[in-house]
Amino acid sequence: MAEISQDEEIPPNMTLYINNLNEKIKIDQLKKSLHAVFSQFGKILDVLAFKTLKHKGQAWVIFEDVNSATNALRRMQGFPFYDKEMRIQYAKTKSDIIAKADGTFVPREKRKRHDEKGKKRKEQLDPNQAAAGLNPSYAGAYGATPPLSQIPYLGARPIVPEAPAPPNNILFVQNLPHDATAMMLQMLFNQYPGLKDVRMVEAKPGIAFVEYENEMQSTVAMQALQGFKIQQNQMLITYAKK
């Protein structure tokens, strides 16, 4: 198990080292959940976690820029993640050794060319991924119906609300990845006070209901997470109809 060093000994960089993670969570689920929680702070290049005993309870989240990594470190330090508080610091530069051990290491020159090529390919799919919902002018905030051009598609048919529901304590979340789980959503929405329940709709993958104690709390969560991306899916949040 790697030791935690003082932050001042490690210069800020794009990679965060996280430990004190729940070792019972499967690696694939752990990586997806970490990506979902940390992608609100900026574009993530990769999430590394390994099955080896030496690396259990640990992960590395690699951001595209240092500012995103710094913001994530400050905001997520001590965040309750699968019932354990995360401990986060900047990764040591020697962490390339881990990539070599895993067989994913790429020399820096080749990595730069690969990143530039990948960036051009992904720009149209993933533009300006930032902390979604912090802009209150977003058309979908507070239950307003977004323009048709912004409404996500499932198949060939757009999701068009018949009429906006009045503000209440339950949120209706659409356009989720089909493999999204209640635990994943709970970790996202639990950042905002008053969360009571998260209910997936098994018969209709891609939608869920998120319940708060009161309307004010649900509104805060809606504004903060409106348009948040899980994988490549941008969440559409409205008040649920009762």
C-alpha atoms as a PDB file:
ATOM      1  CA  MET A   1       0.000   0.000   0.000  1.00  0.00           C
ATOM      2  CA  ALA A   2       1.452   3.365  -1.004  1.00  0.00           C
ATOM      3  CA  GLU A   3       2.025   5.844   1.747  1.00  0.00           C
ATOM      4  CA  ILE A   4       0.420   9.262   1.911  1.00  0.00           C
ATOM      5  CA  SER A   5       2.986  12.040   1.777  1.00  0.00           C
ATOM      6  CA  GLN A   6       2.457  15.664   2.630  1.00  0.00           C
ATOM      7  CA  ASP A   7       0.901  17.589  -0.257  1.00  0.00           C
ATOM      8  CA  GLU A   8       3.712  20.165  -0.267  1.00  0.00           C
ATOM      9  CA  GLU A   9       6.233  17.421  -1.110  1.00  0.00           C
ATOM     10  CA  ILE A  10       4.404  16.558  -4.317  1.00  0.00           C
ATOM     11  CA  PRO A  11       3.946  19.341  -6.911  1.00  0.00           C
ATOM     12  CA  PRO A  12       0.457  19.802  -8.360  1.00  0.00           C
ATOM     13  CA  ASN A  13      -0.060  17.702 -11.471  1.00  0.00           C
ATOM     14  CA  MET A  14      -2.837  16.210 -13.588  1.00  0.00           C
ATOM     15  CA  THR A  15      -3.022  12.868 -11.758  1.00  0.00           C
ATOM     16  CA  LEU A  16      -4.712  12.313  -8.405  1.00  0.00           C
ATOM     17  CA  TYR A  17      -3.820   9.398  -6.170  1.00  0.00           C
ATOM     18  CA  ILE A  18      -6.801   8.142  -4.139  1.00  0.00           C
ATOM     19  CA  ASN A  19      -6.757   5.585  -1.347  1.00  0.00           C
ATOM     20  CA  ASN A  20      -8.938   4.323   1.490  1.00  0.00           C
ATOM     21  CA  LEU A  21     -11.348   3.031  -1.169  1.00  0.00           C
ATOM     22  CA  ASN A  22     -13.748   0.185  -0.449  1.00  0.00           C
ATOM     23  CA  GLU A  23     -11.867  -2.980  -1.426  1.00  0.00           C
ATOM     24  CA  LYS A  24     -15.081  -4.996  -1.851  1.00  0.00           C
ATOM     25  CA  ILE A  25     -16.142  -3.058  -4.959  1.00  0.00           C
ATOM     26  CA  LYS A  26     -15.331  -4.736  -8.271  1.00  0.00           C
ATOM     27  CA  ILE A  27     -12.653  -2.976 -10.320  1.00  0.00           C
ATOM     28  CA  ASP A  28     -14.865  -2.195 -13.330  1.00  0.00           C
ATOM     29  CA  GLN A  29     -17.599  -0.736 -11.133  1.00  0.00           C
ATOM     30  CA  LEU A  30     -15.043   1.210  -9.096  1.00  0.00           C
ATOM     31  CA  LYS A  31     -13.548   2.808 -12.203  1.00  0.00           C
ATOM     32  CA  LYS A  32     -16.958   3.724 -13.643  1.00  0.00           C
ATOM     33  CA  SER A  33     -18.065   5.250 -10.342  1.00  0.00           C
ATOM     34  CA  LEU A  34     -14.869   7.258  -9.936  1.00  0.00           C
ATOM     35  CA  HIS A  35     -15.201   8.542 -13.485  1.00  0.00           C
ATOM     36  CA  ALA A  36     -18.820   9.550 -12.848  1.00  0.00           C
ATOM     37  CA  VAL A  37     -18.003  11.401  -9.625  1.00  0.00           C
ATOM     38  CA  PHE A  38     -14.823  13.168 -10.785  1.00  0.00           C
ATOM     39  CA  SER A  39     -15.845  14.109 -14.344  1.00  0.00           C
ATOM     40  CA  GLN A  40     -17.810  17.068 -12.967  1.00  0.00           C
ATOM     41  CA  PHE A  41     -14.468  18.831 -12.432  1.00  0.00           C
ATOM     42  CA  GLY A  42     -13.074  18.460 -15.952  1.00  0.00           C
ATOM     43  CA  LYS A  43     -12.152  16.072 -18.725  1.00  0.00           C
ATOM     44  CA  ILE A  44     -10.727  12.769 -17.505  1.00  0.00           C
ATOM     45  CA  LEU A  45      -8.137  11.019 -19.642  1.00  0.00           C
ATOM     46  CA  ASP A  46      -8.104   7.783 -17.677  1.00  0.00           C
ATOM     47  CA  VAL A  47      -8.954   6.071 -14.381  1.00  0.00           C
ATOM     48  CA  LEU A  48      -6.521   3.414 -13.199  1.00  0.00           C
ATOM     49  CA  ALA A  49      -7.263   0.745 -10.612  1.00  0.00           C
ATOM     50  CA  PHE A  50      -5.744  -2.699 -10.267  1.00  0.00           C
ATOM     51  CA  LYS A  51      -6.757  -6.092  -8.897  1.00  0.00           C
ATOM     52  CA  THR A  52      -3.388  -6.857  -7.340  1.00  0.00           C
ATOM     53  CA  LEU A  53      -3.245  -7.087  -3.548  1.00  0.00           C
ATOM     54  CA  LYS A  54      -0.590  -4.359  -3.437  1.00  0.00           C
ATOM     55  CA  HIS A  55      -2.906  -1.852  -5.111  1.00  0.00           C
ATOM     56  CA  LYS A  56      -6.212  -2.716  -3.436  1.00  0.00           C
ATOM     57  CA  GLY A  57      -8.163   0.240  -2.130  1.00  0.00           C
ATOM     58  CA  GLN A  58      -6.294   2.620  -4.428  1.00  0.00           C
ATOM     59  CA  ALA A  59      -6.893   4.344  -7.756  1.00  0.00           C
ATOM     60  CA  TRP A  60      -5.470   7.065  -9.979  1.00  0.00           C
ATOM     61  CA  VAL A  61      -7.614   9.633 -11.785  1.00  0.00           C
ATOM     62  CA  ILE A  62      -5.829  11.405 -14.647  1.00  0.00           C
ATOM     63  CA  PHE A  63      -7.259  14.773 -15.723  1.00  0.00           C
ATOM     64  CA  GLU A  64      -6.499  16.714 -18.887  1.00  0.00           C
ATOM     65  CA  ASP A  65      -5.219  19.721 -16.923  1.00  0.00           C
ATOM     66  CA  VAL A  66      -3.833  20.591 -13.490  1.00  0.00           C
ATOM     67  CA  ASN A  67      -6.617  23.055 -12.601  1.00  0.00           C
ATOM     68  CA  SER A  68      -9.262  20.334 -12.883  1.00  0.00           C
ATOM     69  CA  ALA A  69      -7.200  17.979 -10.736  1.00  0.00           C
ATOM     70  CA  THR A  70      -6.643  20.698  -8.097  1.00  0.00           C
ATOM     71  CA  ASN A  71     -10.341  21.565  -7.951  1.00  0.00           C
ATOM     72  CA  ALA A  72     -11.271  17.892  -7.630  1.00  0.00           C
ATOM     73  CA  LEU A  73      -8.743  17.337  -4.848  1.00  0.00           C
ATOM     74  CA  ARG A  74     -10.095  20.242  -2.789  1.00  0.00           C
ATOM     75  CA  ARG A  75     -13.766  19.452  -3.326  1.00  0.00           C
ATOM     76  CA  MET A  76     -13.648  15.662  -2.972  1.00  0.00           C
ATOM     77  CA  GLN A  77     -11.205  15.273  -0.083  1.00  0.00           C
ATOM     78  CA  GLY A  78     -12.985  13.122   2.512  1.00  0.00           C
ATOM     79  CA  PHE A  79     -15.995  12.510   0.235  1.00  0.00           C
ATOM     80  CA  PRO A  80     -17.961   9.410   1.400  1.00  0.00           C
ATOM     81  CA  PHE A  81     -17.495   6.936  -1.437  1.00  0.00           C
ATOM     82  CA  TYR A  82     -19.038   3.482  -0.976  1.00  0.00           C
ATOM     83  CA  ASP A  83     -19.174   4.108   2.795  1.00  0.00           C
ATOM     84  CA  LYS A  84     -15.513   5.115   3.111  1.00  0.00           C
ATOM     85  CA  GLU A  85     -14.024   8.626   3.079  1.00  0.00           C
ATOM     86  CA  MET A  86     -11.626   9.120   0.188  1.00  0.00           C
ATOM     87  CA  ARG A  87      -8.095  10.299   0.887  1.00  0.00           C
ATOM     88  CA  ILE A  88      -6.710  12.223  -2.072  1.00  0.00           C
ATOM     89  CA  GLN A  89      -3.355  13.717  -3.013  1.00  0.00           C
ATOM     90  CA  TYR A  90      -1.420  14.533  -6.165  1.00  0.00           C
ATOM     91  CA  ALA A  91       0.230  11.447  -7.625  1.00  0.00           C
ATOM     92  CA  LYS A  92       3.979  11.055  -7.462  1.00  0.00           C
ATOM     93  CA  THR A  93       5.770  11.389 -10.788  1.00  0.00           C
ATOM     94  CA  LYS A  94       7.082   7.848 -10.307  1.00  0.00           C
ATOM     95  CA  SER A  95       3.542   6.522 -10.831  1.00  0.00           C
ATOM     96  CA  ASP A  96       4.585   5.571 -14.385  1.00  0.00           C
ATOM     97  CA  ILE A  97       5.967   2.447 -12.739  1.00  0.00           C
ATOM     98  CA  ILE A  98       2.399   1.372 -12.051  1.00  0.00           C
ATOM     99  CA  ALA A  99       1.475   1.850 -15.700  1.00  0.00           C
ATOM    100  CA  LYS A 100       4.473  -0.239 -16.729  1.00  0.00           C
ATOM    101  CA  ALA A 101       3.456  -3.001 -14.334  1.00  0.00           C
ATOM    102  CA  ASP A 102      -0.041  -2.966 -15.778  1.00  0.00           C
ATOM    103  CA  GLY A 103       1.207  -2.925 -19.362  1.00  0.00           C
ATOM    104  CA  THR A 104      -0.451   0.432 -20.126  1.00  0.00           C
ATOM    105  CA  PHE A 105       2.689   2.588 -20.050  1.00  0.00           C
ATOM    106  CA  VAL A 106       3.289   4.729 -23.141  1.00  0.00           C
ATOM    107  CA  PRO A 107       6.499   6.773 -23.592  1.00  0.00           C
ATOM    108  CA  ARG A 108       5.752  10.460 -23.187  1.00  0.00           C
ATOM    109  CA  GLU A 109       6.455  11.400 -26.831  1.00  0.00           C
ATOM    110  CA  LYS A 110       4.128   8.704 -28.178  1.00  0.00           C
ATOM    111  CA  ARG A 111       1.539   9.577 -25.503  1.00  0.00           C
ATOM    112  CA  LYS A 112       1.554  13.221 -26.627  1.00  0.00           C
ATOM    113  CA  ARG A 113       0.952  12.290 -30.276  1.00  0.00           C
ATOM    114  CA  HIS A 114      -1.777   9.849 -29.238  1.00  0.00           C
ATOM    115  CA  ASP A 115      -3.469  12.441 -27.013  1.00  0.00           C
ATOM    116  CA  GLU A 116      -3.439  15.053 -29.808  1.00  0.00           C
ATOM    117  CA  LYS A 117      -4.990  12.591 -32.238  1.00  0.00           C
ATOM    118  CA  GLY A 118      -7.574  11.488 -29.661  1.00  0.00           C
ATOM    119  CA  LYS A 119      -8.381  15.095 -28.771  1.00  0.00           C
ATOM    120  CA  LYS A 120      -9.307  15.933 -32.375  1.00  0.00           C
ATOM    121  CA  ARG A 121     -11.482  12.824 -32.576  1.00  0.00           C
ATOM    122  CA  LYS A 122     -13.313  13.568 -29.309  1.00  0.00           C
ATOM    123  CA  GLU A 123     -13.738  17.344 -29.572  1.00  0.00           C
ATOM    124  CA  GLN A 124     -17.088  17.068 -31.305  1.00  0.00           C
ATOM    125  CA  LEU A 125     -18.378  14.490 -28.825  1.00  0.00           C
ATOM    126  CA  ASP A 126     -17.061  16.023 -25.623  1.00  0.00           C
ATOM    127  CA  PRO A 127     -16.728  19.834 -25.893  1.00  0.00           C
ATOM    128  CA  ASN A 128     -16.095  21.994 -22.842  1.00  0.00           C
ATOM    129  CA  GLN A 129     -16.728  19.324 -20.224  1.00  0.00           C
ATOM    130  CA  ALA A 130     -16.799  21.379 -17.028  1.00  0.00           C
ATOM    131  CA  ALA A 131     -18.690  21.502 -13.766  1.00  0.00           C
ATOM    132  CA  ALA A 132     -22.120  21.209 -15.322  1.00  0.00           C
ATOM    133  CA  GLY A 133     -25.074  23.114 -14.025  1.00  0.00           C
ATOM    134  CA  LEU A 134     -23.108  25.866 -12.296  1.00  0.00           C
ATOM    135  CA  ASN A 135     -24.373  28.264 -14.932  1.00  0.00           C
ATOM    136  CA  PRO A 136     -27.915  29.186 -13.841  1.00  0.00           C
ATOM    137  CA  SER A 137     -28.726  30.373 -17.343  1.00  0.00           C
ATOM    138  CA  TYR A 138     -28.758  26.784 -18.600  1.00  0.00           C
ATOM    139  CA  ALA A 139     -32.106  26.309 -20.303  1.00  0.00           C
ATOM    140  CA  GLY A 140     -32.987  23.193 -18.357  1.00  0.00           C
ATOM    141  CA  ALA A 141     -32.472  24.672 -14.890  1.00  0.00           C
ATOM    142  CA  TYR A 142     -35.364  24.901 -12.478  1.00  0.00           C
ATOM    143  CA  GLY A 143     -37.602  22.702 -14.557  1.00  0.00           C
ATOM    144  CA  ALA A 144     -37.606  24.858 -17.697  1.00  0.00           C
ATOM    145  CA  THR A 145     -37.994  22.893 -20.922  1.00  0.00           C
ATOM    146  CA  PRO A 146     -34.799  23.071 -23.012  1.00  0.00           C
ATOM    147  CA  PRO A 147     -34.935  23.867 -26.745  1.00  0.00           C
ATOM    148  CA  LEU A 148     -35.601  20.859 -28.948  1.00  0.00           C
ATOM    149  CA  SER A 149     -32.054  21.110 -30.298  1.00  0.00           C
ATOM    150  CA  GLN A 150     -30.706  20.422 -26.784  1.00  0.00           C
ATOM    151  CA  ILE A 151     -32.993  17.525 -25.948  1.00  0.00           C
ATOM    152  CA  PRO A 152     -31.035  14.229 -26.039  1.00  0.00           C
ATOM    153  CA  TYR A 153     -32.109  11.423 -28.312  1.00  0.00           C
ATOM    154  CA  LEU A 154     -32.747   7.821 -27.463  1.00  0.00           C
ATOM    155  CA  GLY A 155     -32.937   6.020 -30.766  1.00  0.00           C
ATOM    156  CA  ALA A 156     -34.649   8.271 -33.302  1.00  0.00           C
ATOM    157  CA  ARG A 157     -37.173   9.939 -30.999  1.00  0.00           C
ATOM    158  CA  PRO A 158     -36.429  12.967 -28.814  1.00  0.00           C
ATOM    159  CA  ILE A 159     -37.449  13.027 -25.161  1.00  0.00           C
ATOM    160  CA  VAL A 160     -40.020  15.821 -25.129  1.00  0.00           C
ATOM    161  CA  PRO A 161     -41.795  16.548 -21.843  1.00  0.00           C
ATOM    162  CA  GLU A 162     -45.499  17.107 -22.346  1.00  0.00           C
ATOM    163  CA  ALA A 163     -45.453  19.985 -19.875  1.00  0.00           C
ATOM    164  CA  PRO A 164     -43.051  21.007 -17.114  1.00  0.00           C
ATOM    165  CA  ALA A 165     -44.059  19.659 -13.728  1.00  0.00           C
ATOM    166  CA  PRO A 166     -44.348  22.200 -10.899  1.00  0.00           C
ATOM    167  CA  PRO A 167     -41.377  22.373  -8.502  1.00  0.00           C
ATOM    168  CA  ASN A 168     -41.375  19.571  -5.936  1.00  0.00           C
ATOM    169  CA  ASN A 169     -38.970  17.390  -3.949  1.00  0.00           C
ATOM    170  CA  ILE A 170     -38.599  14.611  -6.563  1.00  0.00           C
ATOM    171  CA  LEU A 171     -36.405  14.905  -9.659  1.00  0.00           C
ATOM    172  CA  PHE A 172     -36.874  12.996 -12.904  1.00  0.00           C
ATOM    173  CA  VAL A 173     -33.496  12.157 -14.488  1.00  0.00           C
ATOM    174  CA  GLN A 174     -33.277  11.146 -18.163  1.00  0.00           C
ATOM    175  CA  ASN A 175     -30.637  10.150 -20.730  1.00  0.00           C
ATOM    176  CA  LEU A 176     -28.568   8.044 -18.347  1.00  0.00           C
ATOM    177  CA  PRO A 177     -26.261   5.313 -19.678  1.00  0.00           C
ATOM    178  CA  HIS A 178     -28.079   1.981 -19.634  1.00  0.00           C
ATOM    179  CA  ASP A 179     -25.461   0.576 -17.261  1.00  0.00           C
ATOM    180  CA  ALA A 180     -25.899   3.394 -14.721  1.00  0.00           C
ATOM    181  CA  THR A 181     -26.662   2.153 -11.204  1.00  0.00           C
ATOM    182  CA  ALA A 182     -28.531   3.571  -8.234  1.00  0.00           C
ATOM    183  CA  MET A 183     -25.280   3.631  -6.245  1.00  0.00           C
ATOM    184  CA  MET A 184     -23.587   5.695  -8.950  1.00  0.00           C
ATOM    185  CA  LEU A 185     -26.404   8.262  -8.918  1.00  0.00           C
ATOM    186  CA  GLN A 186     -26.546   8.260  -5.149  1.00  0.00           C
ATOM    187  CA  MET A 187     -22.902   9.279  -4.948  1.00  0.00           C
ATOM    188  CA  LEU A 188     -23.506  12.129  -7.402  1.00  0.00           C
ATOM    189  CA  PHE A 189     -26.677  13.501  -5.814  1.00  0.00           C
ATOM    190  CA  ASN A 190     -25.502  12.884  -2.250  1.00  0.00           C
ATOM    191  CA  GLN A 191     -23.153  15.859  -2.636  1.00  0.00           C
ATOM    192  CA  TYR A 192     -26.206  18.034  -2.010  1.00  0.00           C
ATOM    193  CA  PRO A 193     -28.073  17.978   1.327  1.00  0.00           C
ATOM    194  CA  GLY A 194     -31.369  16.198   1.891  1.00  0.00           C
ATOM    195  CA  LEU A 195     -31.101  13.173  -0.409  1.00  0.00           C
ATOM    196  CA  LYS A 196     -33.661  10.522   0.608  1.00  0.00           C
ATOM    197  CA  ASP A 197     -33.816   7.957  -2.188  1.00  0.00           C
ATOM    198  CA  VAL A 198     -32.714   7.054  -5.719  1.00  0.00           C
ATOM    199  CA  ARG A 199     -35.001   4.786  -7.759  1.00  0.00           C
ATOM    200  CA  MET A 200     -34.016   3.298 -11.109  1.00  0.00           C
ATOM    201  CA  VAL A 201     -36.749   2.223 -13.526  1.00  0.00           C
ATOM    202  CA  GLU A 202     -35.817  -1.333 -14.494  1.00  0.00           C
ATOM    203  CA  ALA A 203     -38.401  -1.522 -17.274  1.00  0.00           C
ATOM    204  CA  LYS A 204     -36.980   1.618 -18.894  1.00  0.00           C
ATOM    205  CA  PRO A 205     -33.171   1.838 -18.714  1.00  0.00           C
ATOM    206  CA  GLY A 206     -31.786   5.361 -18.861  1.00  0.00           C
ATOM    207  CA  ILE A 207     -34.182   7.055 -16.430  1.00  0.00           C
ATOM    208  CA  ALA A 208     -34.403   7.420 -12.651  1.00  0.00           C
ATOM    209  CA  PHE A 209     -36.181   9.291  -9.862  1.00  0.00           C
ATOM    210  CA  VAL A 210     -34.186  11.126  -7.182  1.00  0.00           C
ATOM    211  CA  GLU A 211     -36.037  12.180  -4.035  1.00  0.00           C
ATOM    212  CA  TYR A 212     -35.011  14.931  -1.602  1.00  0.00           C
ATOM    213  CA  GLU A 213     -36.552  16.007   1.693  1.00  0.00           C
ATOM    214  CA  ASN A 214     -37.926  19.241   0.252  1.00  0.00           C
ATOM    215  CA  GLU A 215     -38.313  21.281  -2.920  1.00  0.00           C
ATOM    216  CA  MET A 216     -35.487  23.702  -2.108  1.00  0.00           C
ATOM    217  CA  GLN A 217     -32.970  20.868  -1.788  1.00  0.00           C
ATOM    218  CA  SER A 218     -34.073  19.194  -5.018  1.00  0.00           C
ATOM    219  CA  THR A 219     -33.773  22.529  -6.835  1.00  0.00           C
ATOM    220  CA  VAL A 220     -30.194  23.034  -5.639  1.00  0.00           C
ATOM    221  CA  ALA A 221     -29.241  19.542  -6.854  1.00  0.00           C
ATOM    222  CA  MET A 222     -30.997  20.094 -10.198  1.00  0.00           C
ATOM    223  CA  GLN A 223     -29.152  23.330 -10.856  1.00  0.00           C
ATOM    224  CA  ALA A 224     -25.774  21.863  -9.927  1.00  0.00           C
ATOM    225  CA  LEU A 225     -26.072  18.624 -11.921  1.00  0.00           C
ATOM    226  CA  GLN A 226     -28.126  19.746 -14.923  1.00  0.00           C
ATOM    227  CA  GLY A 227     -26.254  18.608 -18.035  1.00  0.00           C
ATOM    228  CA  PHE A 228     -23.691  16.589 -16.035  1.00  0.00           C
ATOM    229  CA  LYS A 229     -22.105  13.908 -18.214  1.00  0.00           C
ATOM    230  CA  ILE A 230     -21.908  10.272 -17.211  1.00  0.00           C
ATOM    231  CA  GLN A 231     -19.694   8.655 -19.827  1.00  0.00           C
ATOM    232  CA  GLN A 232     -20.937  10.400 -23.004  1.00  0.00           C
ATOM    233  CA  ASN A 233     -24.540  10.857 -21.826  1.00  0.00           C
ATOM    234  CA  GLN A 234     -25.610  14.328 -20.701  1.00  0.00           C
ATOM    235  CA  MET A 235     -28.221  14.127 -17.955  1.00  0.00           C
ATOM    236  CA  LEU A 236     -31.534  15.936 -18.425  1.00  0.00           C
ATOM    237  CA  ILE A 237     -33.167  16.733 -15.084  1.00  0.00           C
ATOM    238  CA  THR A 238     -36.705  17.998 -14.496  1.00  0.00           C
ATOM    239  CA  TYR A 239     -39.139  17.912 -11.630  1.00  0.00           C
ATOM    240  CA  ALA A 240     -41.076  14.648 -11.497  1.00  0.00           C
ATOM    241  CA  LYS A 241     -44.808  14.639 -12.136  1.00  0.00           C
ATOM    242  CA  LYS A 242     -46.906  13.561  -9.178  1.00  0.00           C
END
